[in-house]
Amino acid sequence: VVAGRADGTGHGAASLRDLLRVIQQRIEQVKVYPDAARREGLEGTVDLRFRIAKDGSVEALEILRSSGHSLLDQVSTDTVRRAGPYPLVPGWIRVPLAYRLSQ
């Protein structure tokens, strides 16, 4: 998880790292490998970035790099939205979601 901030203000590095770790853990806890994707042998990594609104919801969400499979891309965006509410972190947060059949 990487946060990009334009203003350089706000949380110190240690507390920002802690917040990003919490965000990553929440996302991983709700992430589901869809049965249909498993049956079809679909694997890949979806690289996303999102911003958090003041209420902790996802304000904006973009796929930076597709997994190559629309099913995995869609479940990834759903996962990020479902994992909230998030602690407030300014700027964009980048997170890769990996789907491997060995998981």
PDB file of N, CA and C in Angstrom:
ATOM      1  N   VAL A   1       0.856  -1.173   0.000  1.00  0.00           N
ATOM      2  CA  VAL A   1       0.000   0.000   0.000  1.00  0.00           C
ATOM      3  C   VAL A   1       0.893   1.225   0.000  1.00  0.00           C
ATOM      4  N   VAL A   2       0.594   2.141  -0.868  1.00  0.00           N
ATOM      5  CA  VAL A   2       1.376   3.366  -0.980  1.00  0.00           C
ATOM      6  C   VAL A   2       0.410   4.536  -1.009  1.00  0.00           C
ATOM      7  N   ALA A   3       0.688   5.550  -0.209  1.00  0.00           N
ATOM      8  CA  ALA A   3      -0.135   6.764  -0.242  1.00  0.00           C
ATOM      9  C   ALA A   3       0.660   7.847  -0.941  1.00  0.00           C
ATOM     10  N   GLY A   4       0.001   8.538  -1.826  1.00  0.00           N
ATOM     11  CA  GLY A   4       0.636   9.667  -2.492  1.00  0.00           C
ATOM     12  C   GLY A   4      -0.050  10.938  -2.050  1.00  0.00           C
ATOM     13  N   ARG A   5       0.716  11.881  -1.524  1.00  0.00           N
ATOM     14  CA  ARG A   5       0.110  13.124  -1.033  1.00  0.00           C
ATOM     15  C   ARG A   5       0.736  14.286  -1.752  1.00  0.00           C
ATOM     16  N   ALA A   6      -0.105  15.192  -2.141  1.00  0.00           N
ATOM     17  CA  ALA A   6       0.380  16.365  -2.868  1.00  0.00           C
ATOM     18  C   ALA A   6       0.856  17.463  -1.927  1.00  0.00           C
ATOM     19  N   ASP A   7       0.277  17.542  -0.741  1.00  0.00           N
ATOM     20  CA  ASP A   7       0.561  18.697   0.117  1.00  0.00           C
ATOM     21  C   ASP A   7       1.700  18.478   1.103  1.00  0.00           C
ATOM     22  N   GLY A   8       2.071  17.238   1.366  1.00  0.00           N
ATOM     23  CA  GLY A   8       3.167  16.965   2.283  1.00  0.00           C
ATOM     24  C   GLY A   8       2.861  17.272   3.735  1.00  0.00           C
ATOM     25  N   THR A   9       1.594  17.500   4.081  1.00  0.00           N
ATOM     26  CA  THR A   9       1.229  17.792   5.460  1.00  0.00           C
ATOM     27  C   THR A   9       0.470  16.623   6.053  1.00  0.00           C
ATOM     28  N   GLY A  10       0.180  16.693   7.319  1.00  0.00           N
ATOM     29  CA  GLY A  10      -0.666  15.685   7.945  1.00  0.00           C
ATOM     30  C   GLY A  10       0.120  14.747   8.828  1.00  0.00           C
ATOM     31  N   HIS A  11      -0.159  13.461   8.672  1.00  0.00           N
ATOM     32  CA  HIS A  11       0.403  12.429   9.546  1.00  0.00           C
ATOM     33  C   HIS A  11       1.911  12.305   9.384  1.00  0.00           C
ATOM     34  N   GLY A  12       2.572  11.964  10.484  1.00  0.00           N
ATOM     35  CA  GLY A  12       3.986  11.644  10.414  1.00  0.00           C
ATOM     36  C   GLY A  12       4.159  10.307   9.713  1.00  0.00           C
ATOM     37  N   ALA A  13       5.379   9.994   9.329  1.00  0.00           N
ATOM     38  CA  ALA A  13       5.639   8.785   8.552  1.00  0.00           C
ATOM     39  C   ALA A  13       5.222   7.517   9.291  1.00  0.00           C
ATOM     40  N   ALA A  14       5.523   7.441  10.608  1.00  0.00           N
ATOM     41  CA  ALA A  14       5.202   6.222  11.350  1.00  0.00           C
ATOM     42  C   ALA A  14       3.695   6.025  11.454  1.00  0.00           C
ATOM     43  N   SER A  15       2.965   7.066  11.790  1.00  0.00           N
ATOM     44  CA  SER A  15       1.528   6.906  11.935  1.00  0.00           C
ATOM     45  C   SER A  15       0.862   6.675  10.585  1.00  0.00           C
ATOM     46  N   LEU A  16       1.380   7.261   9.518  1.00  0.00           N
ATOM     47  CA  LEU A  16       0.854   7.026   8.185  1.00  0.00           C
ATOM     48  C   LEU A  16       1.064   5.561   7.798  1.00  0.00           C
ATOM     49  N   ARG A  17       2.244   5.042   8.088  1.00  0.00           N
ATOM     50  CA  ARG A  17       2.521   3.621   7.817  1.00  0.00           C
ATOM     51  C   ARG A  17       1.536   2.734   8.563  1.00  0.00           C
ATOM     52  N   ASP A  18       1.252   3.079   9.818  1.00  0.00           N
ATOM     53  CA  ASP A  18       0.304   2.291  10.616  1.00  0.00           C
ATOM     54  C   ASP A  18      -1.090   2.337  10.004  1.00  0.00           C
ATOM     55  N   LEU A  19      -1.522   3.516   9.576  1.00  0.00           N
ATOM     56  CA  LEU A  19      -2.847   3.650   8.952  1.00  0.00           C
ATOM     57  C   LEU A  19      -2.919   2.848   7.659  1.00  0.00           C
ATOM     58  N   LEU A  20      -1.869   2.896   6.857  1.00  0.00           N
ATOM     59  CA  LEU A  20      -1.849   2.143   5.608  1.00  0.00           C
ATOM     60  C   LEU A  20      -1.874   0.638   5.867  1.00  0.00           C
ATOM     61  N   ARG A  21      -1.222   0.204   6.935  1.00  0.00           N
ATOM     62  CA  ARG A  21      -1.235  -1.214   7.306  1.00  0.00           C
ATOM     63  C   ARG A  21      -2.661  -1.636   7.698  1.00  0.00           C
ATOM     64  N   VAL A  22      -3.353  -0.797   8.450  1.00  0.00           N
ATOM     65  CA  VAL A  22      -4.744  -1.073   8.837  1.00  0.00           C
ATOM     66  C   VAL A  22      -5.627  -1.172   7.592  1.00  0.00           C
ATOM     67  N   ILE A  23      -5.435  -0.257   6.675  1.00  0.00           N
ATOM     68  CA  ILE A  23      -6.230  -0.257   5.441  1.00  0.00           C
ATOM     69  C   ILE A  23      -5.980  -1.538   4.652  1.00  0.00           C
ATOM     70  N   GLN A  24      -4.716  -1.915   4.497  1.00  0.00           N
ATOM     71  CA  GLN A  24      -4.377  -3.141   3.765  1.00  0.00           C
ATOM     72  C   GLN A  24      -4.996  -4.363   4.440  1.00  0.00           C
ATOM     73  N   GLN A  25      -4.942  -4.427   5.767  1.00  0.00           N
ATOM     74  CA  GLN A  25      -5.510  -5.557   6.498  1.00  0.00           C
ATOM     75  C   GLN A  25      -7.019  -5.632   6.298  1.00  0.00           C
ATOM     76  N   ARG A  26      -7.705  -4.510   6.344  1.00  0.00           N
ATOM     77  CA  ARG A  26      -9.161  -4.507   6.130  1.00  0.00           C
ATOM     78  C   ARG A  26      -9.514  -5.028   4.747  1.00  0.00           C
ATOM     79  N   ILE A  27      -8.757  -4.587   3.749  1.00  0.00           N
ATOM     80  CA  ILE A  27      -9.018  -5.028   2.379  1.00  0.00           C
ATOM     81  C   ILE A  27      -8.783  -6.535   2.259  1.00  0.00           C
ATOM     82  N   GLU A  28      -7.665  -7.015   2.790  1.00  0.00           N
ATOM     83  CA  GLU A  28      -7.356  -8.447   2.696  1.00  0.00           C
ATOM     84  C   GLU A  28      -8.380  -9.294   3.449  1.00  0.00           C
ATOM     85  N   GLN A  29      -8.923  -8.782   4.568  1.00  0.00           N
ATOM     86  CA  GLN A  29      -9.913  -9.531   5.344  1.00  0.00           C
ATOM     87  C   GLN A  29     -11.210  -9.748   4.573  1.00  0.00           C
ATOM     88  N   VAL A  30     -11.596  -8.808   3.735  1.00  0.00           N
ATOM     89  CA  VAL A  30     -12.860  -8.942   3.004  1.00  0.00           C
ATOM     90  C   VAL A  30     -12.670  -9.461   1.580  1.00  0.00           C
ATOM     91  N   LYS A  31     -11.418  -9.605   1.149  1.00  0.00           N
ATOM     92  CA  LYS A  31     -11.145 -10.077  -0.214  1.00  0.00           C
ATOM     93  C   LYS A  31     -11.588 -11.532  -0.355  1.00  0.00           C
ATOM     94  N   VAL A  32     -12.273 -11.808  -1.461  1.00  0.00           N
ATOM     95  CA  VAL A  32     -12.752 -13.154  -1.757  1.00  0.00           C
ATOM     96  C   VAL A  32     -12.294 -13.517  -3.162  1.00  0.00           C
ATOM     97  N   TYR A  33     -11.795 -14.721  -3.311  1.00  0.00           N
ATOM     98  CA  TYR A  33     -11.441 -15.226  -4.641  1.00  0.00           C
ATOM     99  C   TYR A  33     -12.707 -15.848  -5.207  1.00  0.00           C
ATOM    100  N   PRO A  34     -13.309 -15.251  -6.217  1.00  0.00           N
ATOM    101  CA  PRO A  34     -14.596 -15.754  -6.717  1.00  0.00           C
ATOM    102  C   PRO A  34     -14.503 -17.205  -7.191  1.00  0.00           C
ATOM    103  N   ASP A  35     -15.511 -18.014  -6.842  1.00  0.00           N
ATOM    104  CA  ASP A  35     -15.537 -19.415  -7.251  1.00  0.00           C
ATOM    105  C   ASP A  35     -15.446 -19.550  -8.763  1.00  0.00           C
ATOM    106  N   ALA A  36     -16.149 -18.678  -9.487  1.00  0.00           N
ATOM    107  CA  ALA A  36     -16.125 -18.743 -10.955  1.00  0.00           C
ATOM    108  C   ALA A  36     -14.704 -18.519 -11.479  1.00  0.00           C
ATOM    109  N   ALA A  37     -13.970 -17.607 -10.859  1.00  0.00           N
ATOM    110  CA  ALA A  37     -12.594 -17.339 -11.277  1.00  0.00           C
ATOM    111  C   ALA A  37     -11.705 -18.545 -10.979  1.00  0.00           C
ATOM    112  N   ARG A  38     -11.919 -19.183  -9.840  1.00  0.00           N
ATOM    113  CA  ARG A  38     -11.152 -20.391  -9.497  1.00  0.00           C
ATOM    114  C   ARG A  38     -11.427 -21.497 -10.514  1.00  0.00           C
ATOM    115  N   ARG A  39     -12.719 -21.724 -10.797  1.00  0.00           N
ATOM    116  CA  ARG A  39     -13.093 -22.787 -11.745  1.00  0.00           C
ATOM    117  C   ARG A  39     -12.470 -22.562 -13.119  1.00  0.00           C
ATOM    118  N   GLU A  40     -12.406 -21.299 -13.524  1.00  0.00           N
ATOM    119  CA  GLU A  40     -11.862 -20.967 -14.845  1.00  0.00           C
ATOM    120  C   GLU A  40     -10.339 -20.834 -14.841  1.00  0.00           C
ATOM    121  N   GLY A  41      -9.725 -20.965 -13.657  1.00  0.00           N
ATOM    122  CA  GLY A  41      -8.271 -20.874 -13.555  1.00  0.00           C
ATOM    123  C   GLY A  41      -7.733 -19.466 -13.736  1.00  0.00           C
ATOM    124  N   LEU A  42      -8.552 -18.461 -13.418  1.00  0.00           N
ATOM    125  CA  LEU A  42      -8.131 -17.065 -13.593  1.00  0.00           C
ATOM    126  C   LEU A  42      -7.212 -16.636 -12.452  1.00  0.00           C
ATOM    127  N   GLU A  43      -6.106 -16.053 -12.819  1.00  0.00           N
ATOM    128  CA  GLU A  43      -5.161 -15.490 -11.865  1.00  0.00           C
ATOM    129  C   GLU A  43      -4.752 -14.104 -12.344  1.00  0.00           C
ATOM    130  N   GLY A  44      -4.251 -13.307 -11.429  1.00  0.00           N
ATOM    131  CA  GLY A  44      -3.746 -11.998 -11.812  1.00  0.00           C
ATOM    132  C   GLY A  44      -3.687 -11.061 -10.633  1.00  0.00           C
ATOM    133  N   THR A  45      -3.139  -9.892 -10.892  1.00  0.00           N
ATOM    134  CA  THR A  45      -3.043  -8.839  -9.885  1.00  0.00           C
ATOM    135  C   THR A  45      -3.696  -7.585 -10.440  1.00  0.00           C
ATOM    136  N   VAL A  46      -4.561  -6.997  -9.631  1.00  0.00           N
ATOM    137  CA  VAL A  46      -5.222  -5.747  -9.988  1.00  0.00           C
ATOM    138  C   VAL A  46      -4.550  -4.650  -9.177  1.00  0.00           C
ATOM    139  N   ASP A  47      -4.034  -3.654  -9.863  1.00  0.00           N
ATOM    140  CA  ASP A  47      -3.379  -2.528  -9.200  1.00  0.00           C
ATOM    141  C   ASP A  47      -4.379  -1.377  -9.174  1.00  0.00           C
ATOM    142  N   LEU A  48      -4.801  -0.981  -7.965  1.00  0.00           N
ATOM    143  CA  LEU A  48      -5.830   0.043  -7.778  1.00  0.00           C
ATOM    144  C   LEU A  48      -5.278   1.237  -7.025  1.00  0.00           C
ATOM    145  N   ARG A  49      -5.984   2.343  -7.165  1.00  0.00           N
ATOM    146  CA  ARG A  49      -5.725   3.460  -6.266  1.00  0.00           C
ATOM    147  C   ARG A  49      -7.074   4.073  -5.913  1.00  0.00           C
ATOM    148  N   PHE A  50      -7.147   4.585  -4.676  1.00  0.00           N
ATOM    149  CA  PHE A  50      -8.398   5.188  -4.224  1.00  0.00           C
ATOM    150  C   PHE A  50      -8.129   6.299  -3.232  1.00  0.00           C
ATOM    151  N   ARG A  51      -9.142   7.159  -3.084  1.00  0.00           N
ATOM    152  CA  ARG A  51      -9.112   8.246  -2.091  1.00  0.00           C
ATOM    153  C   ARG A  51     -10.229   8.005  -1.104  1.00  0.00           C
ATOM    154  N   ILE A  52      -9.982   8.433   0.123  1.00  0.00           N
ATOM    155  CA  ILE A  52     -10.940   8.248   1.206  1.00  0.00           C
ATOM    156  C   ILE A  52     -11.644   9.578   1.490  1.00  0.00           C
ATOM    157  N   ALA A  53     -12.981   9.521   1.540  1.00  0.00           N
ATOM    158  CA  ALA A  53     -13.785  10.703   1.870  1.00  0.00           C
ATOM    159  C   ALA A  53     -13.727  10.955   3.380  1.00  0.00           C
ATOM    160  N   LYS A  54     -14.180  12.118   3.792  1.00  0.00           N
ATOM    161  CA  LYS A  54     -14.172  12.482   5.223  1.00  0.00           C
ATOM    162  C   LYS A  54     -14.949  11.496   6.099  1.00  0.00           C
ATOM    163  N   ASP A  55     -15.973  10.845   5.527  1.00  0.00           N
ATOM    164  CA  ASP A  55     -16.763   9.880   6.302  1.00  0.00           C
ATOM    165  C   ASP A  55     -16.161   8.469   6.300  1.00  0.00           C
ATOM    166  N   GLY A  56     -14.987   8.302   5.677  1.00  0.00           N
ATOM    167  CA  GLY A  56     -14.313   7.007   5.667  1.00  0.00           C
ATOM    168  C   GLY A  56     -14.687   6.123   4.489  1.00  0.00           C
ATOM    169  N   SER A  57     -15.613   6.592   3.659  1.00  0.00           N
ATOM    170  CA  SER A  57     -16.001   5.808   2.479  1.00  0.00           C
ATOM    171  C   SER A  57     -15.003   6.063   1.339  1.00  0.00           C
ATOM    172  N   VAL A  58     -15.121   5.282   0.282  1.00  0.00           N
ATOM    173  CA  VAL A  58     -14.271   5.466  -0.885  1.00  0.00           C
ATOM    174  C   VAL A  58     -14.853   6.599  -1.718  1.00  0.00           C
ATOM    175  N   GLU A  59     -14.056   7.643  -1.906  1.00  0.00           N
ATOM    176  CA  GLU A  59     -14.494   8.828  -2.641  1.00  0.00           C
ATOM    177  C   GLU A  59     -14.236   8.677  -4.140  1.00  0.00           C
ATOM    178  N   ALA A  60     -13.120   8.077  -4.489  1.00  0.00           N
ATOM    179  CA  ALA A  60     -12.746   7.861  -5.883  1.00  0.00           C
ATOM    180  C   ALA A  60     -11.931   6.576  -5.947  1.00  0.00           C
ATOM    181  N   LEU A  61     -12.082   5.834  -7.043  1.00  0.00           N
ATOM    182  CA  LEU A  61     -11.407   4.547  -7.185  1.00  0.00           C
ATOM    183  C   LEU A  61     -11.072   4.330  -8.648  1.00  0.00           C
ATOM    184  N   GLU A  62      -9.826   3.959  -8.913  1.00  0.00           N
ATOM    185  CA  GLU A  62      -9.378   3.726 -10.285  1.00  0.00           C
ATOM    186  C   GLU A  62      -8.578   2.440 -10.356  1.00  0.00           C
ATOM    187  N   ILE A  63      -8.728   1.731 -11.471  1.00  0.00           N
ATOM    188  CA  ILE A  63      -7.866   0.587 -11.758  1.00  0.00           C
ATOM    189  C   ILE A  63      -6.680   1.132 -12.544  1.00  0.00           C
ATOM    190  N   LEU A  64      -5.492   1.006 -11.979  1.00  0.00           N
ATOM    191  CA  LEU A  64      -4.280   1.482 -12.649  1.00  0.00           C
ATOM    192  C   LEU A  64      -3.760   0.433 -13.626  1.00  0.00           C
ATOM    193  N   ARG A  65      -3.890  -0.848 -13.236  1.00  0.00           N
ATOM    194  CA  ARG A  65      -3.458  -1.943 -14.092  1.00  0.00           C
ATOM    195  C   ARG A  65      -4.414  -3.098 -13.887  1.00  0.00           C
ATOM    196  N   SER A  66      -5.013  -3.536 -14.968  1.00  0.00           N
ATOM    197  CA  SER A  66      -5.973  -4.631 -14.930  1.00  0.00           C
ATOM    198  C   SER A  66      -5.265  -5.964 -14.715  1.00  0.00           C
ATOM    199  N   SER A  67      -6.005  -6.909 -14.171  1.00  0.00           N
ATOM    200  CA  SER A  67      -5.510  -8.280 -14.041  1.00  0.00           C
ATOM    201  C   SER A  67      -5.560  -8.982 -15.392  1.00  0.00           C
ATOM    202  N   GLY A  68      -6.298  -8.397 -16.332  1.00  0.00           N
ATOM    203  CA  GLY A  68      -6.538  -9.047 -17.605  1.00  0.00           C
ATOM    204  C   GLY A  68      -7.843  -9.824 -17.617  1.00  0.00           C
ATOM    205  N   HIS A  69      -8.528  -9.818 -16.459  1.00  0.00           N
ATOM    206  CA  HIS A  69      -9.794 -10.544 -16.331  1.00  0.00           C
ATOM    207  C   HIS A  69     -10.820  -9.614 -15.692  1.00  0.00           C
ATOM    208  N   SER A  70     -11.902  -9.325 -16.412  1.00  0.00           N
ATOM    209  CA  SER A  70     -12.892  -8.368 -15.903  1.00  0.00           C
ATOM    210  C   SER A  70     -13.502  -8.829 -14.586  1.00  0.00           C
ATOM    211  N   LEU A  71     -13.663 -10.133 -14.387  1.00  0.00           N
ATOM    212  CA  LEU A  71     -14.224 -10.645 -13.132  1.00  0.00           C
ATOM    213  C   LEU A  71     -13.333 -10.274 -11.944  1.00  0.00           C
ATOM    214  N   LEU A  72     -12.037 -10.474 -12.071  1.00  0.00           N
ATOM    215  CA  LEU A  72     -11.115 -10.132 -10.979  1.00  0.00           C
ATOM    216  C   LEU A  72     -11.033  -8.624 -10.778  1.00  0.00           C
ATOM    217  N   ASP A  73     -11.078  -7.875 -11.867  1.00  0.00           N
ATOM    218  CA  ASP A  73     -11.062  -6.410 -11.747  1.00  0.00           C
ATOM    219  C   ASP A  73     -12.297  -5.924 -10.982  1.00  0.00           C
ATOM    220  N   GLN A  74     -13.469  -6.447 -11.344  1.00  0.00           N
ATOM    221  CA  GLN A  74     -14.711  -6.014 -10.702  1.00  0.00           C
ATOM    222  C   GLN A  74     -14.747  -6.406  -9.230  1.00  0.00           C
ATOM    223  N   VAL A  75     -14.350  -7.627  -8.910  1.00  0.00           N
ATOM    224  CA  VAL A  75     -14.386  -8.059  -7.509  1.00  0.00           C
ATOM    225  C   VAL A  75     -13.392  -7.241  -6.679  1.00  0.00           C
ATOM    226  N   SER A  76     -12.314  -6.789  -7.299  1.00  0.00           N
ATOM    227  CA  SER A  76     -11.327  -5.970  -6.585  1.00  0.00           C
ATOM    228  C   SER A  76     -11.899  -4.604  -6.228  1.00  0.00           C
ATOM    229  N   THR A  77     -12.574  -3.957  -7.172  1.00  0.00           N
ATOM    230  CA  THR A  77     -13.164  -2.655  -6.858  1.00  0.00           C
ATOM    231  C   THR A  77     -14.264  -2.813  -5.812  1.00  0.00           C
ATOM    232  N   ASP A  78     -15.050  -3.885  -5.914  1.00  0.00           N
ATOM    233  CA  ASP A  78     -16.085  -4.145  -4.901  1.00  0.00           C
ATOM    234  C   ASP A  78     -15.452  -4.359  -3.525  1.00  0.00           C
ATOM    235  N   THR A  79     -14.339  -5.066  -3.496  1.00  0.00           N
ATOM    236  CA  THR A  79     -13.648  -5.362  -2.229  1.00  0.00           C
ATOM    237  C   THR A  79     -13.178  -4.074  -1.552  1.00  0.00           C
ATOM    238  N   VAL A  80     -12.565  -3.184  -2.306  1.00  0.00           N
ATOM    239  CA  VAL A  80     -12.066  -1.924  -1.728  1.00  0.00           C
ATOM    240  C   VAL A  80     -13.234  -1.117  -1.162  1.00  0.00           C
ATOM    241  N   ARG A  81     -14.336  -1.050  -1.883  1.00  0.00           N
ATOM    242  CA  ARG A  81     -15.508  -0.301  -1.388  1.00  0.00           C
ATOM    243  C   ARG A  81     -16.101  -0.963  -0.137  1.00  0.00           C
ATOM    244  N   ARG A  82     -16.163  -2.282  -0.126  1.00  0.00           N
ATOM    245  CA  ARG A  82     -16.781  -3.017   0.983  1.00  0.00           C
ATOM    246  C   ARG A  82     -15.938  -2.988   2.267  1.00  0.00           C
ATOM    247  N   ALA A  83     -14.637  -2.819   2.124  1.00  0.00           N
ATOM    248  CA  ALA A  83     -13.733  -2.885   3.281  1.00  0.00           C
ATOM    249  C   ALA A  83     -13.816  -1.661   4.192  1.00  0.00           C
ATOM    250  N   GLY A  84     -14.402  -0.577   3.713  1.00  0.00           N
ATOM    251  CA  GLY A  84     -14.524   0.640   4.525  1.00  0.00           C
ATOM    252  C   GLY A  84     -15.504   0.454   5.658  1.00  0.00           C
ATOM    253  N   PRO A  85     -15.672   1.404   6.531  1.00  0.00           N
ATOM    254  CA  PRO A  85     -15.035   2.719   6.465  1.00  0.00           C
ATOM    255  C   PRO A  85     -13.557   2.652   6.853  1.00  0.00           C
ATOM    256  N   TYR A  86     -12.809   3.533   6.238  1.00  0.00           N
ATOM    257  CA  TYR A  86     -11.372   3.600   6.435  1.00  0.00           C
ATOM    258  C   TYR A  86     -11.004   4.783   7.323  1.00  0.00           C
ATOM    259  N   PRO A  87      -9.821   4.698   7.959  1.00  0.00           N
ATOM    260  CA  PRO A  87      -9.304   5.890   8.647  1.00  0.00           C
ATOM    261  C   PRO A  87      -8.945   6.927   7.581  1.00  0.00           C
ATOM    262  N   LEU A  88      -9.060   8.159   7.933  1.00  0.00           N
ATOM    263  CA  LEU A  88      -8.819   9.238   6.978  1.00  0.00           C
ATOM    264  C   LEU A  88      -7.328   9.370   6.678  1.00  0.00           C
ATOM    265  N   VAL A  89      -6.988   9.193   5.419  1.00  0.00           N
ATOM    266  CA  VAL A  89      -5.626   9.367   4.921  1.00  0.00           C
ATOM    267  C   VAL A  89      -5.733  10.287   3.710  1.00  0.00           C
ATOM    268  N   PRO A  90      -4.994  11.373   3.688  1.00  0.00           N
ATOM    269  CA  PRO A  90      -5.087  12.291   2.549  1.00  0.00           C
ATOM    270  C   PRO A  90      -4.415  11.720   1.310  1.00  0.00           C
ATOM    271  N   GLY A  91      -4.894  12.125   0.157  1.00  0.00           N
ATOM    272  CA  GLY A  91      -4.273  11.722  -1.100  1.00  0.00           C
ATOM    273  C   GLY A  91      -4.745  10.357  -1.573  1.00  0.00           C
ATOM    274  N   TRP A  92      -4.070   9.878  -2.596  1.00  0.00           N
ATOM    275  CA  TRP A  92      -4.394   8.579  -3.186  1.00  0.00           C
ATOM    276  C   TRP A  92      -3.679   7.466  -2.440  1.00  0.00           C
ATOM    277  N   ILE A  93      -4.338   6.339  -2.308  1.00  0.00           N
ATOM    278  CA  ILE A  93      -3.751   5.141  -1.706  1.00  0.00           C
ATOM    279  C   ILE A  93      -3.704   4.094  -2.804  1.00  0.00           C
ATOM    280  N   ARG A  94      -2.535   3.552  -3.031  1.00  0.00           N
ATOM    281  CA  ARG A  94      -2.350   2.549  -4.082  1.00  0.00           C
ATOM    282  C   ARG A  94      -2.253   1.174  -3.433  1.00  0.00           C
ATOM    283  N   VAL A  95      -2.994   0.222  -3.975  1.00  0.00           N
ATOM    284  CA  VAL A  95      -2.991  -1.117  -3.393  1.00  0.00           C
ATOM    285  C   VAL A  95      -3.107  -2.165  -4.507  1.00  0.00           C
ATOM    286  N   PRO A  96      -2.219  -3.157  -4.478  1.00  0.00           N
ATOM    287  CA  PRO A  96      -2.353  -4.266  -5.414  1.00  0.00           C
ATOM    288  C   PRO A  96      -3.162  -5.393  -4.756  1.00  0.00           C
ATOM    289  N   LEU A  97      -4.053  -6.002  -5.508  1.00  0.00           N
ATOM    290  CA  LEU A  97      -4.800  -7.163  -5.020  1.00  0.00           C
ATOM    291  C   LEU A  97      -4.442  -8.344  -5.910  1.00  0.00           C
ATOM    292  N   ALA A  98      -3.796  -9.346  -5.321  1.00  0.00           N
ATOM    293  CA  ALA A  98      -3.330 -10.501  -6.072  1.00  0.00           C
ATOM    294  C   ALA A  98      -4.273 -11.680  -5.896  1.00  0.00           C
ATOM    295  N   TYR A  99      -4.501 -12.375  -6.984  1.00  0.00           N
ATOM    296  CA  TYR A  99      -5.336 -13.585  -6.986  1.00  0.00           C
ATOM    297  C   TYR A  99      -4.495 -14.697  -7.598  1.00  0.00           C
ATOM    298  N   ARG A 100      -4.122 -15.651  -6.766  1.00  0.00           N
ATOM    299  CA  ARG A 100      -3.324 -16.808  -7.195  1.00  0.00           C
ATOM    300  C   ARG A 100      -4.052 -18.067  -6.747  1.00  0.00           C
ATOM    301  N   LEU A 101      -4.093 -19.054  -7.622  1.00  0.00           N
ATOM    302  CA  LEU A 101      -4.802 -20.289  -7.297  1.00  0.00           C
ATOM    303  C   LEU A 101      -4.154 -21.046  -6.151  1.00  0.00           C
ATOM    304  N   SER A 102      -2.900 -20.786  -5.877  1.00  0.00           N
ATOM    305  CA  SER A 102      -2.222 -21.431  -4.746  1.00  0.00           C
ATOM    306  C   SER A 102      -2.649 -20.853  -3.405  1.00  0.00           C
ATOM    307  N   GLN A 103      -3.448 -19.738  -3.425  1.00  0.00           N
ATOM    308  CA  GLN A 103      -3.875 -19.089  -2.170  1.00  0.00           C
ATOM    309  C   GLN A 103      -4.998 -19.874  -1.532  1.00  0.00           C
TER     310      GLN A 103
END
